[in-house]
C-alpha atoms as a PDB file:
ATOM      1  CA  MET A   1     -56.786  34.035 -16.667  1.00  0.00           C
ATOM      2  CA  ILE A   2     -55.498  34.510 -13.127  1.00  0.00           C
ATOM      3  CA  VAL A   3     -51.807  33.601 -12.902  1.00  0.00           C
ATOM      4  CA  VAL A   4     -50.819  33.115  -9.263  1.00  0.00           C
ATOM      5  CA  LYS A   5     -47.072  33.699  -9.133  1.00  0.00           C
ATOM      6  CA  GLU A   6     -46.460  34.888  -5.572  1.00  0.00           C
ATOM      7  CA  MET A   7     -49.121  34.039  -3.003  1.00  0.00           C
ATOM      8  CA  LYS A   8     -48.288  36.996  -0.781  1.00  0.00           C
ATOM      9  CA  TYR A   9     -50.766  39.045   1.236  1.00  0.00           C
ATOM     10  CA  GLU A  10     -50.569  42.235  -0.844  1.00  0.00           C
ATOM     11  CA  ASN A  11     -50.506  40.348  -4.139  1.00  0.00           C
ATOM     12  CA  MET A  12     -53.581  38.345  -3.261  1.00  0.00           C
ATOM     13  CA  LEU A  13     -55.437  41.509  -2.236  1.00  0.00           C
ATOM     14  CA  LYS A  14     -54.631  42.903  -5.695  1.00  0.00           C
ATOM     15  CA  MET A  15     -55.996  39.692  -7.199  1.00  0.00           C
ATOM     16  CA  THR A  16     -59.281  40.109  -5.340  1.00  0.00           C
ATOM     17  CA  ASN A  17     -59.586  43.673  -6.617  1.00  0.00           C
ATOM     18  CA  HIS A  18     -58.950  42.438 -10.171  1.00  0.00           C
ATOM     19  CA  LEU A  19     -61.773  39.940  -9.732  1.00  0.00           C
ATOM     20  CA  ARG A  20     -64.069  42.721  -8.533  1.00  0.00           C
ATOM     21  CA  LEU A  21     -63.198  44.980 -11.484  1.00  0.00           C
ATOM     22  CA  LYS A  22     -63.841  42.062 -13.853  1.00  0.00           C
ATOM     23  CA  GLY A  23     -67.211  41.419 -12.219  1.00  0.00           C
ATOM     24  CA  TYR A  24     -65.960  37.970 -11.258  1.00  0.00           C
ATOM     25  CA  TYR A  25     -66.100  37.105 -14.969  1.00  0.00           C
ATOM     26  CA  LEU A  26     -69.875  36.702 -14.740  1.00  0.00           C
ATOM     27  CA  ASN A  27     -70.441  38.832 -17.851  1.00  0.00           C
ATOM     28  CA  ASP A  28     -67.181  37.965 -19.569  1.00  0.00           C
ATOM     29  CA  ASP A  29     -66.829  36.006 -22.783  1.00  0.00           C
ATOM     30  CA  GLU A  30     -64.419  33.620 -21.089  1.00  0.00           C
ATOM     31  CA  ASP A  31     -64.809  31.705 -17.844  1.00  0.00           C
ATOM     32  CA  LEU A  32     -62.488  32.379 -14.943  1.00  0.00           C
ATOM     33  CA  LYS A  33     -59.376  30.219 -15.092  1.00  0.00           C
ATOM     34  CA  ILE A  34     -56.701  30.037 -12.374  1.00  0.00           C
ATOM     35  CA  THR A  35     -53.227  28.633 -12.930  1.00  0.00           C
ATOM     36  CA  PHE A  36     -50.300  27.954 -10.600  1.00  0.00           C
ATOM     37  CA  GLU A  37     -47.927  27.127 -13.452  1.00  0.00           C
ATOM     38  CA  HIS A  38     -45.608  29.992 -12.495  1.00  0.00           C
ATOM     39  CA  LEU A  39     -46.035  29.804  -8.710  1.00  0.00           C
ATOM     40  CA  GLU A  40     -42.795  30.742  -6.952  1.00  0.00           C
ATOM     41  CA  PHE A  41     -43.722  31.712  -3.393  1.00  0.00           C
ATOM     42  CA  ILE A  42     -46.372  31.089  -0.736  1.00  0.00           C
ATOM     43  CA  GLU A  43     -46.855  32.712   2.648  1.00  0.00           C
ATOM     44  CA  PRO A  44     -49.674  31.757   5.038  1.00  0.00           C
ATOM     45  CA  ALA A  45     -51.133  35.290   5.019  1.00  0.00           C
ATOM     46  CA  GLY A  46     -51.385  35.254   1.237  1.00  0.00           C
ATOM     47  CA  ALA A  47     -52.880  31.777   1.323  1.00  0.00           C
ATOM     48  CA  ILE A  48     -55.614  32.961   3.691  1.00  0.00           C
ATOM     49  CA  VAL A  49     -56.552  35.802   1.306  1.00  0.00           C
ATOM     50  CA  PHE A  50     -56.599  33.335  -1.590  1.00  0.00           C
ATOM     51  CA  LEU A  51     -58.855  30.918   0.318  1.00  0.00           C
ATOM     52  CA  ASN A  52     -61.155  33.812   1.203  1.00  0.00           C
ATOM     53  CA  ALA A  53     -61.315  34.726  -2.498  1.00  0.00           C
ATOM     54  CA  MET A  54     -62.197  31.160  -3.432  1.00  0.00           C
ATOM     55  CA  ASP A  55     -65.053  31.230  -0.914  1.00  0.00           C
ATOM     56  CA  LYS A  56     -66.382  34.382  -2.581  1.00  0.00           C
ATOM     57  CA  ILE A  57     -65.964  32.959  -6.089  1.00  0.00           C
ATOM     58  CA  LYS A  58     -67.975  29.878  -5.133  1.00  0.00           C
ATOM     59  CA  GLU A  59     -70.686  31.996  -3.523  1.00  0.00           C
ATOM     60  CA  SER A  60     -70.970  34.212  -6.626  1.00  0.00           C
ATOM     61  CA  LYS A  61     -71.764  31.135  -8.758  1.00  0.00           C
ATOM     62  CA  THR A  62     -68.917  32.074 -11.085  1.00  0.00           C
ATOM     63  CA  GLN A  63     -67.963  29.365 -13.550  1.00  0.00           C
ATOM     64  CA  TYR A  64     -64.296  28.721 -12.913  1.00  0.00           C
ATOM     65  CA  GLU A  65     -61.540  26.260 -13.633  1.00  0.00           C
ATOM     66  CA  ILE A  66     -58.322  25.623 -11.721  1.00  0.00           C
ATOM     67  CA  GLU A  67     -55.609  24.049 -13.825  1.00  0.00           C
ATOM     68  CA  PRO A  68     -54.253  20.746 -12.432  1.00  0.00           C
ATOM     69  CA  ILE A  69     -51.002  20.885 -10.475  1.00  0.00           C
ATOM     70  CA  ASN A  70     -49.915  17.238 -10.603  1.00  0.00           C
ATOM     71  CA  HIS A  71     -47.399  17.827 -13.396  1.00  0.00           C
ATOM     72  CA  LEU A  72     -45.881  20.818 -11.563  1.00  0.00           C
ATOM     73  CA  ARG A  73     -44.704  19.084  -8.386  1.00  0.00           C
ATOM     74  CA  GLN A  74     -41.250  18.250  -9.691  1.00  0.00           C
ATOM     75  CA  SER A  75     -40.530  21.622 -11.301  1.00  0.00           C
ATOM     76  CA  ARG A  76     -42.175  23.950  -8.782  1.00  0.00           C
ATOM     77  CA  SER A  77     -41.115  23.638  -5.138  1.00  0.00           C
ATOM     78  CA  ALA A  78     -43.844  26.107  -4.185  1.00  0.00           C
ATOM     79  CA  ILE A  79     -46.437  23.598  -5.373  1.00  0.00           C
ATOM     80  CA  SER A  80     -45.073  20.935  -3.028  1.00  0.00           C
ATOM     81  CA  TYR A  81     -44.922  23.521  -0.240  1.00  0.00           C
ATOM     82  CA  GLY A  82     -48.554  24.466  -0.833  1.00  0.00           C
ATOM     83  CA  GLU A  83     -49.569  20.817  -0.726  1.00  0.00           C
ATOM     84  CA  THR A  84     -47.592  20.285   2.465  1.00  0.00           C
ATOM     85  CA  MET A  85     -49.551  23.148   4.042  1.00  0.00           C
ATOM     86  CA  GLY A  86     -52.835  21.742   2.731  1.00  0.00           C
ATOM     87  CA  ILE A  87     -53.765  24.813   0.688  1.00  0.00           C
ATOM     88  CA  PHE A  88     -54.521  22.962  -2.530  1.00  0.00           C
ATOM     89  CA  GLN A  89     -56.431  20.306  -0.620  1.00  0.00           C
ATOM     90  CA  LEU A  90     -58.749  23.001   0.763  1.00  0.00           C
ATOM     91  CA  ILE A  91     -59.691  24.061  -2.776  1.00  0.00           C
ATOM     92  CA  GLY A  92     -60.090  20.488  -3.989  1.00  0.00           C
ATOM     93  CA  ILE A  93     -57.219  20.064  -6.458  1.00  0.00           C
ATOM     94  CA  SER A  94     -54.953  17.803  -4.394  1.00  0.00           C
ATOM     95  CA  ASP A  95     -55.296  14.803  -2.126  1.00  0.00           C
ATOM     96  CA  ALA A  96     -51.632  14.698  -1.094  1.00  0.00           C
ATOM     97  CA  THR A  97     -50.690  14.256   2.553  1.00  0.00           C
ATOM     98  CA  SER A  98     -50.482  17.588   4.362  1.00  0.00           C
ATOM     99  CA  HIS A  99     -49.064  18.764   7.675  1.00  0.00           C
ATOM    100  CA  THR A 100     -50.689  21.252  10.020  1.00  0.00           C
ATOM    101  CA  SER A 101     -47.357  22.882  10.810  1.00  0.00           C
ATOM    102  CA  GLY A 102     -43.726  23.092   9.772  1.00  0.00           C
ATOM    103  CA  SER A 103     -40.501  24.628  11.013  1.00  0.00           C
ATOM    104  CA  THR A 104     -41.646  28.197  10.264  1.00  0.00           C
ATOM    105  CA  TYR A 105     -45.419  28.081   9.912  1.00  0.00           C
ATOM    106  CA  LEU A 106     -48.786  26.969  11.172  1.00  0.00           C
ATOM    107  CA  ALA A 107     -50.715  25.992   8.055  1.00  0.00           C
ATOM    108  CA  PRO A 108     -53.979  27.709   7.094  1.00  0.00           C
ATOM    109  CA  THR A 109     -56.653  26.016   9.166  1.00  0.00           C
ATOM    110  CA  LYS A 110     -60.397  26.140   8.497  1.00  0.00           C
ATOM    111  CA  VAL A 111     -62.705  26.038  11.529  1.00  0.00           C
ATOM    112  CA  GLY A 112     -66.463  25.502  11.204  1.00  0.00           C
ATOM    113  CA  ILE A 113     -68.500  27.594  13.653  1.00  0.00           C
ATOM    114  CA  ARG A 114     -71.303  25.037  14.016  1.00  0.00           C
ATOM    115  CA  GLU A 115     -68.763  22.327  14.763  1.00  0.00           C
ATOM    116  CA  VAL A 116     -67.243  24.509  17.485  1.00  0.00           C
ATOM    117  CA  TYR A 117     -70.598  25.069  19.181  1.00  0.00           C
ATOM    118  CA  ARG A 118     -71.543  21.408  18.892  1.00  0.00           C
ATOM    119  CA  GLU A 119     -68.297  20.312  20.518  1.00  0.00           C
ATOM    120  CA  LEU A 120     -68.640  22.908  23.276  1.00  0.00           C
ATOM    121  CA  ASP A 121     -72.199  21.796  23.965  1.00  0.00           C
ATOM    122  CA  GLU A 122     -71.311  18.100  24.011  1.00  0.00           C
ATOM    123  CA  ASN A 123     -68.441  18.655  26.437  1.00  0.00           C
ATOM    124  CA  GLY A 124     -70.005  21.375  28.580  1.00  0.00           C
ATOM    125  CA  ILE A 125     -67.241  23.855  27.729  1.00  0.00           C
ATOM    126  CA  PRO A 126     -68.009  27.597  27.992  1.00  0.00           C
ATOM    127  CA  LEU A 127     -67.365  29.789  24.960  1.00  0.00           C
ATOM    128  CA  GLY A 128     -64.869  31.891  26.901  1.00  0.00           C
ATOM    129  CA  LEU A 129     -62.721  28.839  27.546  1.00  0.00           C
ATOM    130  CA  TYR A 130     -62.711  28.040  23.837  1.00  0.00           C
ATOM    131  CA  PHE A 131     -61.350  31.529  23.096  1.00  0.00           C
ATOM    132  CA  GLU A 132     -58.521  30.878  25.538  1.00  0.00           C
ATOM    133  CA  GLN A 133     -57.794  27.399  24.223  1.00  0.00           C
ATOM    134  CA  ILE A 134     -57.575  28.329  20.550  1.00  0.00           C
ATOM    135  CA  SER A 135     -55.580  31.518  21.168  1.00  0.00           C
ATOM    136  CA  GLY A 136     -53.248  29.683  23.547  1.00  0.00           C
ATOM    137  CA  ARG A 137     -52.706  26.971  20.952  1.00  0.00           C
ATOM    138  CA  ILE A 138     -51.775  29.537  18.296  1.00  0.00           C
ATOM    139  CA  VAL A 139     -49.466  31.465  20.624  1.00  0.00           C
ATOM    140  CA  ASN A 140     -47.715  28.364  21.960  1.00  0.00           C
ATOM    141  CA  LYS A 141     -47.052  27.209  18.414  1.00  0.00           C
ATOM    142  CA  ALA A 142     -45.727  30.643  17.439  1.00  0.00           C
ATOM    143  CA  LEU A 143     -43.327  30.777  20.374  1.00  0.00           C
ATOM    144  CA  GLY A 144     -42.206  27.228  19.702  1.00  0.00           C
ATOM    145  CA  LEU A 145     -41.382  28.048  16.086  1.00  0.00           C
ATOM    146  CA  VAL A 146     -39.086  30.926  17.036  1.00  0.00           C
ATOM    147  CA  GLU A 147     -37.768  29.005  20.062  1.00  0.00           C
ATOM    148  CA  TYR A 148     -38.513  32.041  22.173  1.00  0.00           C
ATOM    149  CA  ASN A 149     -38.821  31.916  25.954  1.00  0.00           C
ATOM    150  CA  ILE A 150     -40.790  34.806  27.409  1.00  0.00           C
ATOM    151  CA  GLU A 151     -42.127  35.858  30.764  1.00  0.00           C
ATOM    152  CA  GLU A 152     -45.620  34.788  31.723  1.00  0.00           C
ATOM    153  CA  LYS A 153     -47.035  38.321  31.512  1.00  0.00           C
ATOM    154  CA  ILE A 154     -45.744  38.693  27.937  1.00  0.00           C
ATOM    155  CA  ASN A 155     -47.184  35.317  27.004  1.00  0.00           C
ATOM    156  CA  ASP A 156     -50.525  36.439  28.438  1.00  0.00           C
ATOM    157  CA  LEU A 157     -50.369  39.670  26.428  1.00  0.00           C
ATOM    158  CA  PHE A 158     -49.732  37.733  23.219  1.00  0.00           C
ATOM    159  CA  ILE A 159     -52.682  35.458  23.999  1.00  0.00           C
ATOM    160  CA  PHE A 160     -54.837  38.538  24.661  1.00  0.00           C
ATOM    161  CA  VAL A 161     -54.039  39.899  21.185  1.00  0.00           C
ATOM    162  CA  VAL A 162     -55.056  36.662  19.462  1.00  0.00           C
ATOM    163  CA  ARG A 163     -58.034  36.068  21.753  1.00  0.00           C
ATOM    164  CA  GLU A 164     -59.611  39.423  20.947  1.00  0.00           C
ATOM    165  CA  MET A 165     -59.473  38.689  17.218  1.00  0.00           C
ATOM    166  CA  VAL A 166     -61.058  35.260  17.602  1.00  0.00           C
ATOM    167  CA  ARG A 167     -63.716  36.701  19.900  1.00  0.00           C
ATOM    168  CA  ASN A 168     -64.628  39.338  17.316  1.00  0.00           C
ATOM    169  CA  ILE A 169     -65.526  36.612  14.836  1.00  0.00           C
ATOM    170  CA  PHE A 170     -68.007  34.996  17.208  1.00  0.00           C
ATOM    171  CA  ASP A 171     -69.392  38.360  18.331  1.00  0.00           C
ATOM    172  CA  HIS A 172     -69.968  40.019  14.975  1.00  0.00           C
ATOM    173  CA  ALA A 173     -69.009  38.144  11.823  1.00  0.00           C
ATOM    174  CA  GLN A 174     -72.062  35.900  11.256  1.00  0.00           C
ATOM    175  CA  THR A 175     -69.767  33.524   9.404  1.00  0.00           C
ATOM    176  CA  PRO A 176     -70.052  29.775   8.712  1.00  0.00           C
ATOM    177  CA  HIS A 177     -66.323  29.288   9.263  1.00  0.00           C
ATOM    178  CA  TYR A 178     -63.061  31.091   9.862  1.00  0.00           C
ATOM    179  CA  TYR A 179     -59.385  30.600   9.041  1.00  0.00           C
ATOM    180  CA  TYR A 180     -56.179  31.106  10.960  1.00  0.00           C
ATOM    181  CA  ALA A 181     -52.490  30.695  10.154  1.00  0.00           C
ATOM    182  CA  LEU A 182     -49.123  31.994  11.282  1.00  0.00           C
ATOM    183  CA  GLN A 183     -45.604  32.556  10.028  1.00  0.00           C
ATOM    184  CA  ALA A 184     -42.512  32.812  12.240  1.00  0.00           C
ATOM    185  CA  TYR A 185     -39.451  34.891  11.368  1.00  0.00           C
ATOM    186  CA  LYS A 186     -36.723  33.379  13.522  1.00  0.00           C
ATOM    187  CA  THR A 187     -33.924  35.815  12.654  1.00  0.00           C
ATOM    188  CA  THR A 188     -35.920  38.868  13.752  1.00  0.00           C
ATOM    189  CA  ASN A 189     -38.205  37.307  16.404  1.00  0.00           C
ATOM    190  CA  TYR A 190     -41.318  38.545  14.630  1.00  0.00           C
ATOM    191  CA  VAL A 191     -44.435  36.407  14.365  1.00  0.00           C
ATOM    192  CA  GLU A 192     -47.252  37.001  11.894  1.00  0.00           C
ATOM    193  CA  VAL A 193     -50.737  35.773  12.783  1.00  0.00           C
ATOM    194  CA  VAL A 194     -53.634  35.945  10.328  1.00  0.00           C
ATOM    195  CA  ILE A 195     -57.264  35.379  11.303  1.00  0.00           C
ATOM    196  CA  ALA A 196     -60.080  35.685   8.774  1.00  0.00           C
ATOM    197  CA  ASP A 197     -63.805  35.105   8.525  1.00  0.00           C
ATOM    198  CA  VAL A 198     -66.128  34.989   5.520  1.00  0.00           C
ATOM    199  CA  GLY A 199     -69.043  36.740   7.182  1.00  0.00           C
ATOM    200  CA  VAL A 200     -70.898  39.997   6.647  1.00  0.00           C
ATOM    201  CA  GLY A 201     -67.905  42.337   6.976  1.00  0.00           C
ATOM    202  CA  LEU A 202     -67.301  45.413   9.104  1.00  0.00           C
ATOM    203  CA  ARG A 203     -69.579  47.744   7.119  1.00  0.00           C
ATOM    204  CA  ALA A 204     -72.573  45.625   8.102  1.00  0.00           C
ATOM    205  CA  THR A 205     -71.732  45.591  11.818  1.00  0.00           C
ATOM    206  CA  VAL A 206     -70.101  48.945  12.603  1.00  0.00           C
ATOM    207  CA  PRO A 207     -72.731  51.595  13.482  1.00  0.00           C
ATOM    208  CA  PHE A 208     -73.128  54.576  11.148  1.00  0.00           C
ATOM    209  CA  SER A 209     -75.266  57.631  11.867  1.00  0.00           C
ATOM    210  CA  GLU A 210     -78.223  58.531   9.648  1.00  0.00           C
ATOM    211  CA  GLU A 211     -76.253  61.546   8.438  1.00  0.00           C
ATOM    212  CA  GLU A 212     -73.268  59.388   7.473  1.00  0.00           C
ATOM    213  CA  ILE A 213     -75.529  57.019   5.575  1.00  0.00           C
ATOM    214  CA  TRP A 214     -77.311  59.933   3.846  1.00  0.00           C
ATOM    215  CA  HIS A 215     -73.978  61.347   2.674  1.00  0.00           C
ATOM    216  CA  GLU A 216     -72.830  57.851   1.615  1.00  0.00           C
ATOM    217  CA  GLN A 217     -69.995  57.854   4.114  1.00  0.00           C
ATOM    218  CA  ASN A 218     -70.805  54.307   5.230  1.00  0.00           C
ATOM    219  CA  THR A 219     -67.966  52.860   3.159  1.00  0.00           C
ATOM    220  CA  ASP A 220     -65.711  49.887   3.842  1.00  0.00           C
ATOM    221  CA  GLU A 221     -62.769  52.209   4.485  1.00  0.00           C
ATOM    222  CA  GLU A 222     -64.717  54.257   7.015  1.00  0.00           C
ATOM    223  CA  ALA A 223     -66.001  51.057   8.639  1.00  0.00           C
ATOM    224  CA  ILE A 224     -62.425  49.907   9.244  1.00  0.00           C
ATOM    225  CA  LYS A 225     -61.501  53.283  10.722  1.00  0.00           C
ATOM    226  CA  LYS A 226     -64.584  53.281  12.939  1.00  0.00           C
ATOM    227  CA  ALA A 227     -63.899  49.739  14.139  1.00  0.00           C
ATOM    228  CA  LEU A 228     -60.587  51.003  15.516  1.00  0.00           C
ATOM    229  CA  ILE A 229     -62.161  53.814  17.550  1.00  0.00           C
ATOM    230  CA  PRO A 230     -62.215  52.657  21.186  1.00  0.00           C
ATOM    231  CA  GLY A 231     -65.662  52.568  22.722  1.00  0.00           C
ATOM    232  CA  LEU A 232     -67.626  52.452  19.479  1.00  0.00           C
ATOM    233  CA  SER A 233     -69.563  49.238  19.986  1.00  0.00           C
ATOM    234  CA  ALA A 234     -70.435  47.115  16.999  1.00  0.00           C
ATOM    235  CA  PHE A 235     -73.654  45.150  16.893  1.00  0.00           C
ATOM    236  CA  SER A 236     -73.215  41.821  18.629  1.00  0.00           C
ATOM    237  CA  ASN A 237     -74.463  38.638  17.017  1.00  0.00           C
ATOM    238  CA  HIS A 238     -74.341  36.836  20.348  1.00  0.00           C
ATOM    239  CA  SER A 239     -76.418  38.493  23.035  1.00  0.00           C
ATOM    240  CA  TYR A 240     -76.043  35.298  25.041  1.00  0.00           C
ATOM    241  CA  ALA A 241     -72.255  35.626  25.210  1.00  0.00           C
ATOM    242  CA  PRO A 242     -70.713  35.409  28.695  1.00  0.00           C
ATOM    243  CA  GLU A 243     -70.990  38.705  30.527  1.00  0.00           C
ATOM    244  CA  GLU A 244     -67.231  39.292  30.618  1.00  0.00           C
ATOM    245  CA  TYR A 245     -67.136  39.017  26.806  1.00  0.00           C
ATOM    246  CA  LYS A 246     -69.968  41.405  25.978  1.00  0.00           C
ATOM    247  CA  ASN A 247     -68.497  43.825  23.477  1.00  0.00           C
ATOM    248  CA  SER A 248     -67.733  47.437  24.229  1.00  0.00           C
ATOM    249  CA  GLY A 249     -65.711  48.294  21.143  1.00  0.00           C
ATOM    250  CA  PHE A 250     -62.214  48.266  22.654  1.00  0.00           C
ATOM    251  CA  GLY A 251     -60.754  44.991  21.364  1.00  0.00           C
ATOM    252  CA  LEU A 252     -59.472  46.065  17.935  1.00  0.00           C
ATOM    253  CA  ALA A 253     -58.221  49.408  19.227  1.00  0.00           C
ATOM    254  CA  LEU A 254     -56.230  47.791  22.025  1.00  0.00           C
ATOM    255  CA  VAL A 255     -54.729  45.133  19.762  1.00  0.00           C
ATOM    256  CA  LYS A 256     -53.696  47.686  17.131  1.00  0.00           C
ATOM    257  CA  SER A 257     -52.012  49.843  19.772  1.00  0.00           C
ATOM    258  CA  ILE A 258     -50.172  46.887  21.322  1.00  0.00           C
ATOM    259  CA  ILE A 259     -48.862  45.665  17.970  1.00  0.00           C
ATOM    260  CA  GLN A 260     -47.696  49.105  16.864  1.00  0.00           C
ATOM    261  CA  ARG A 261     -45.744  49.462  20.105  1.00  0.00           C
ATOM    262  CA  THR A 262     -43.795  46.325  19.207  1.00  0.00           C
ATOM    263  CA  GLY A 263     -42.739  47.843  15.886  1.00  0.00           C
ATOM    264  CA  GLY A 264     -45.135  45.481  14.157  1.00  0.00           C
ATOM    265  CA  ILE A 265     -47.825  45.760  11.509  1.00  0.00           C
ATOM    266  CA  PHE A 266     -51.592  45.618  11.936  1.00  0.00           C
ATOM    267  CA  SER A 267     -53.744  45.195   8.847  1.00  0.00           C
ATOM    268  CA  ILE A 268     -57.493  44.872   8.333  1.00  0.00           C
ATOM    269  CA  ALA A 269     -59.144  44.014   5.030  1.00  0.00           C
ATOM    270  CA  SER A 270     -62.922  44.063   4.765  1.00  0.00           C
ATOM    271  CA  GLY A 271     -65.094  44.494   1.719  1.00  0.00           C
ATOM    272  CA  THR A 272     -63.385  46.666  -0.874  1.00  0.00           C
ATOM    273  CA  LYS A 273     -60.661  48.174   1.298  1.00  0.00           C
ATOM    274  CA  SER A 274     -57.593  47.144   3.256  1.00  0.00           C
ATOM    275  CA  ILE A 275     -55.767  49.422   5.682  1.00  0.00           C
ATOM    276  CA  THR A 276     -52.331  48.521   7.001  1.00  0.00           C
ATOM    277  CA  TYR A 277     -50.966  50.370  10.028  1.00  0.00           C
ATOM    278  CA  GLY A 278     -47.236  50.372  10.652  1.00  0.00           C
ATOM    279  CA  SER A 279     -45.436  52.143  13.459  1.00  0.00           C
ATOM    280  CA  ALA A 280     -45.374  55.407  11.505  1.00  0.00           C
ATOM    281  CA  GLU A 281     -47.460  55.026   8.351  1.00  0.00           C
ATOM    282  CA  LYS A 282     -50.821  53.906   7.019  1.00  0.00           C
ATOM    283  CA  VAL A 283     -51.347  52.205   3.651  1.00  0.00           C
ATOM    284  CA  VAL A 284     -54.788  51.928   2.034  1.00  0.00           C
ATOM    285  CA  GLN A 285     -55.296  49.319  -0.684  1.00  0.00           C
ATOM    286  CA  ASP A 286     -58.248  48.336  -2.871  1.00  0.00           C
ATOM    287  CA  CYS A 287     -59.420  44.739  -2.588  1.00  0.00           C
ATOM    288  CA  ASP A 288     -62.581  42.646  -2.481  1.00  0.00           C
ATOM    289  CA  VAL A 289     -62.729  40.512   0.630  1.00  0.00           C
ATOM    290  CA  LYS A 290     -65.652  38.511   1.937  1.00  0.00           C
ATOM    291  CA  GLY A 291     -65.965  39.193   5.652  1.00  0.00           C
ATOM    292  CA  THR A 292     -62.863  40.467   7.421  1.00  0.00           C
ATOM    293  CA  ILE A 293     -59.187  39.515   7.385  1.00  0.00           C
ATOM    294  CA  VAL A 294     -56.882  40.619  10.209  1.00  0.00           C
ATOM    295  CA  ARG A 295     -53.112  40.354   9.800  1.00  0.00           C
ATOM    296  CA  MET A 296     -50.873  40.980  12.811  1.00  0.00           C
ATOM    297  CA  LYS A 297     -47.075  41.041  12.693  1.00  0.00           C
ATOM    298  CA  ILE A 298     -45.793  41.216  16.266  1.00  0.00           C
ATOM    299  CA  GLY A 299     -42.277  42.001  17.478  1.00  0.00           C
ATOM    300  CA  LEU A 300     -41.662  39.632  20.387  1.00  0.00           C
ATOM    301  CA  ASP A 301     -38.519  41.448  21.578  1.00  0.00           C
ATOM    302  CA  LYS A 302     -40.537  44.619  22.214  1.00  0.00           C
ATOM    303  CA  LEU A 303     -43.721  42.991  23.459  1.00  0.00           C
ATOM    304  CA  GLY A 304     -42.269  42.876  26.958  1.00  0.00           C
ATOM    305  CA  ASN A 305     -41.975  46.667  26.980  1.00  0.00           C
ATOM    306  CA  VAL A 306     -45.698  47.152  26.391  1.00  0.00           C
ATOM    307  CA  ASN A 307     -47.558  48.372  29.470  1.00  0.00           C
ATOM    308  CA  PHE A 308     -51.105  47.057  29.081  1.00  0.00           C
ATOM    309  CA  ASP A 309     -52.563  49.336  31.743  1.00  0.00           C
ATOM    310  CA  GLU A 310     -51.078  52.314  29.906  1.00  0.00           C
ATOM    311  CA  VAL A 311     -52.527  51.147  26.585  1.00  0.00           C
ATOM    312  CA  LEU A 312     -55.929  50.632  28.195  1.00  0.00           C
ATOM    313  CA  LYS A 313     -55.882  54.057  29.854  1.00  0.00           C
ATOM    314  CA  GLU A 314     -55.026  55.803  26.588  1.00  0.00           C
ATOM    315  CA  ALA A 315     -57.857  53.955  24.849  1.00  0.00           C
ATOM    316  CA  GLU A 316     -60.337  54.986  27.545  1.00  0.00           C
ATOM    317  CA  ILE A 317     -59.234  58.620  27.233  1.00  0.00           C
ATOM    318  CA  GLU A 318     -59.595  58.463  23.441  1.00  0.00           C
ATOM    319  CA  ALA A 319     -63.056  56.924  23.804  1.00  0.00           C
ATOM    320  CA  ILE A 320     -64.183  59.764  26.065  1.00  0.00           C
ATOM    321  CA  GLY A 321     -62.741  62.257  23.582  1.00  0.00           C
ATOM    322  CA  GLU A 322     -64.814  60.633  20.843  1.00  0.00           C
ATOM    323  CA  GLY A 323     -67.920  60.927  23.008  1.00  0.00           C
ATOM    324  CA  PHE A 324     -68.207  57.283  24.051  1.00  0.00           C
ATOM    325  CA  LYS A 325     -68.759  56.682  27.750  1.00  0.00           C
ATOM    326  CA  GLN A 326     -69.102  52.892  27.721  1.00  0.00           C
ATOM    327  CA  ALA A 327     -66.311  51.164  29.632  1.00  0.00           C
ATOM    328  CA  PRO A 328     -64.286  48.312  28.144  1.00  0.00           C
ATOM    329  CA  SER A 329     -65.723  44.835  28.685  1.00  0.00           C
ATOM    330  CA  ASN A 330     -64.215  42.814  31.506  1.00  0.00           C
ATOM    331  CA  ALA A 331     -62.461  40.584  28.957  1.00  0.00           C
ATOM    332  CA  SER A 332     -60.943  43.567  27.146  1.00  0.00           C
ATOM    333  CA  LYS A 333     -59.670  44.966  30.451  1.00  0.00           C
ATOM    334  CA  THR A 334     -58.085  41.694  31.519  1.00  0.00           C
ATOM    335  CA  VAL A 335     -54.962  40.260  29.964  1.00  0.00           C
ATOM    336  CA  LYS A 336     -55.184  36.976  31.866  1.00  0.00           C
ATOM    337  CA  SER A 337     -58.556  35.286  31.528  1.00  0.00           C
ATOM    338  CA  LYS A 338     -60.499  33.854  34.448  1.00  0.00           C
ATOM    339  CA  TYR A 339     -60.562  30.566  32.518  1.00  0.00           C
ATOM    340  CA  ILE A 340     -56.799  30.062  32.936  1.00  0.00           C
END
């Protein structure tokens, strides 16, 4: 039985690894059962990992049961909180009224890729404008939650960070849908944004050499590390993307560098590994994630001190040092989009 007590990011990654080690209960004497009877805490980042796990469980055809939560509402405030955010509705065990946002969060939101393209086509909206609209919506909500007024250039930099992560999903993930959520920490002026897909994962899209494949170095951990090397282009799933958005492998590297300069945390989980980069340390954790989950904790007070041109120049120098001569895409070189 899976007992979900604290729906935190790290805890939920551990849960996914437990599921992997148990073979998703496919060969077990007992079916998979999940209970929230002892649930005490929920954070949006943890909820996103949990929703990702549920997508994988359903895909694996695992027989599972989620214990009802109706009788827990009065005794467990976390249950009511989860219903308010719509988490339990997304997994089909509640039909209570939910709210897309609260005083400290933007609830986990599921976005269907086909629906996005259909709406864009019906309204004649270019894909690049969608990237700006969704990232602007997330950023504006984040700043509103912390009641933080910032200069336009800092606002644009924040939007750039979110935009690059959304763009990656459409470029590479081959996913039917994606999730996003955020948490605001008002006392410290930090904002945590989580964006996740349920696609093929980094190992399937990051290029490995024949030698690396021969020596079985094409692992999930190495794929994450490679994805953060500036200039190492991943295979694009959208050759018809607008020219300014054609990938050149700089997006993740630039975002990671920007976040670290704010004293924040940048984490990527894909396949069986998660790597979290702080300002001075790196933590590797076992997991089992479908697609890719990106968690970004950004220090707003220090974001204004980040010189984007300096970050870009350092990335270009690193790319040359790694032997990559391709220049960053126009979108990756531009903080403020032409669509604004």
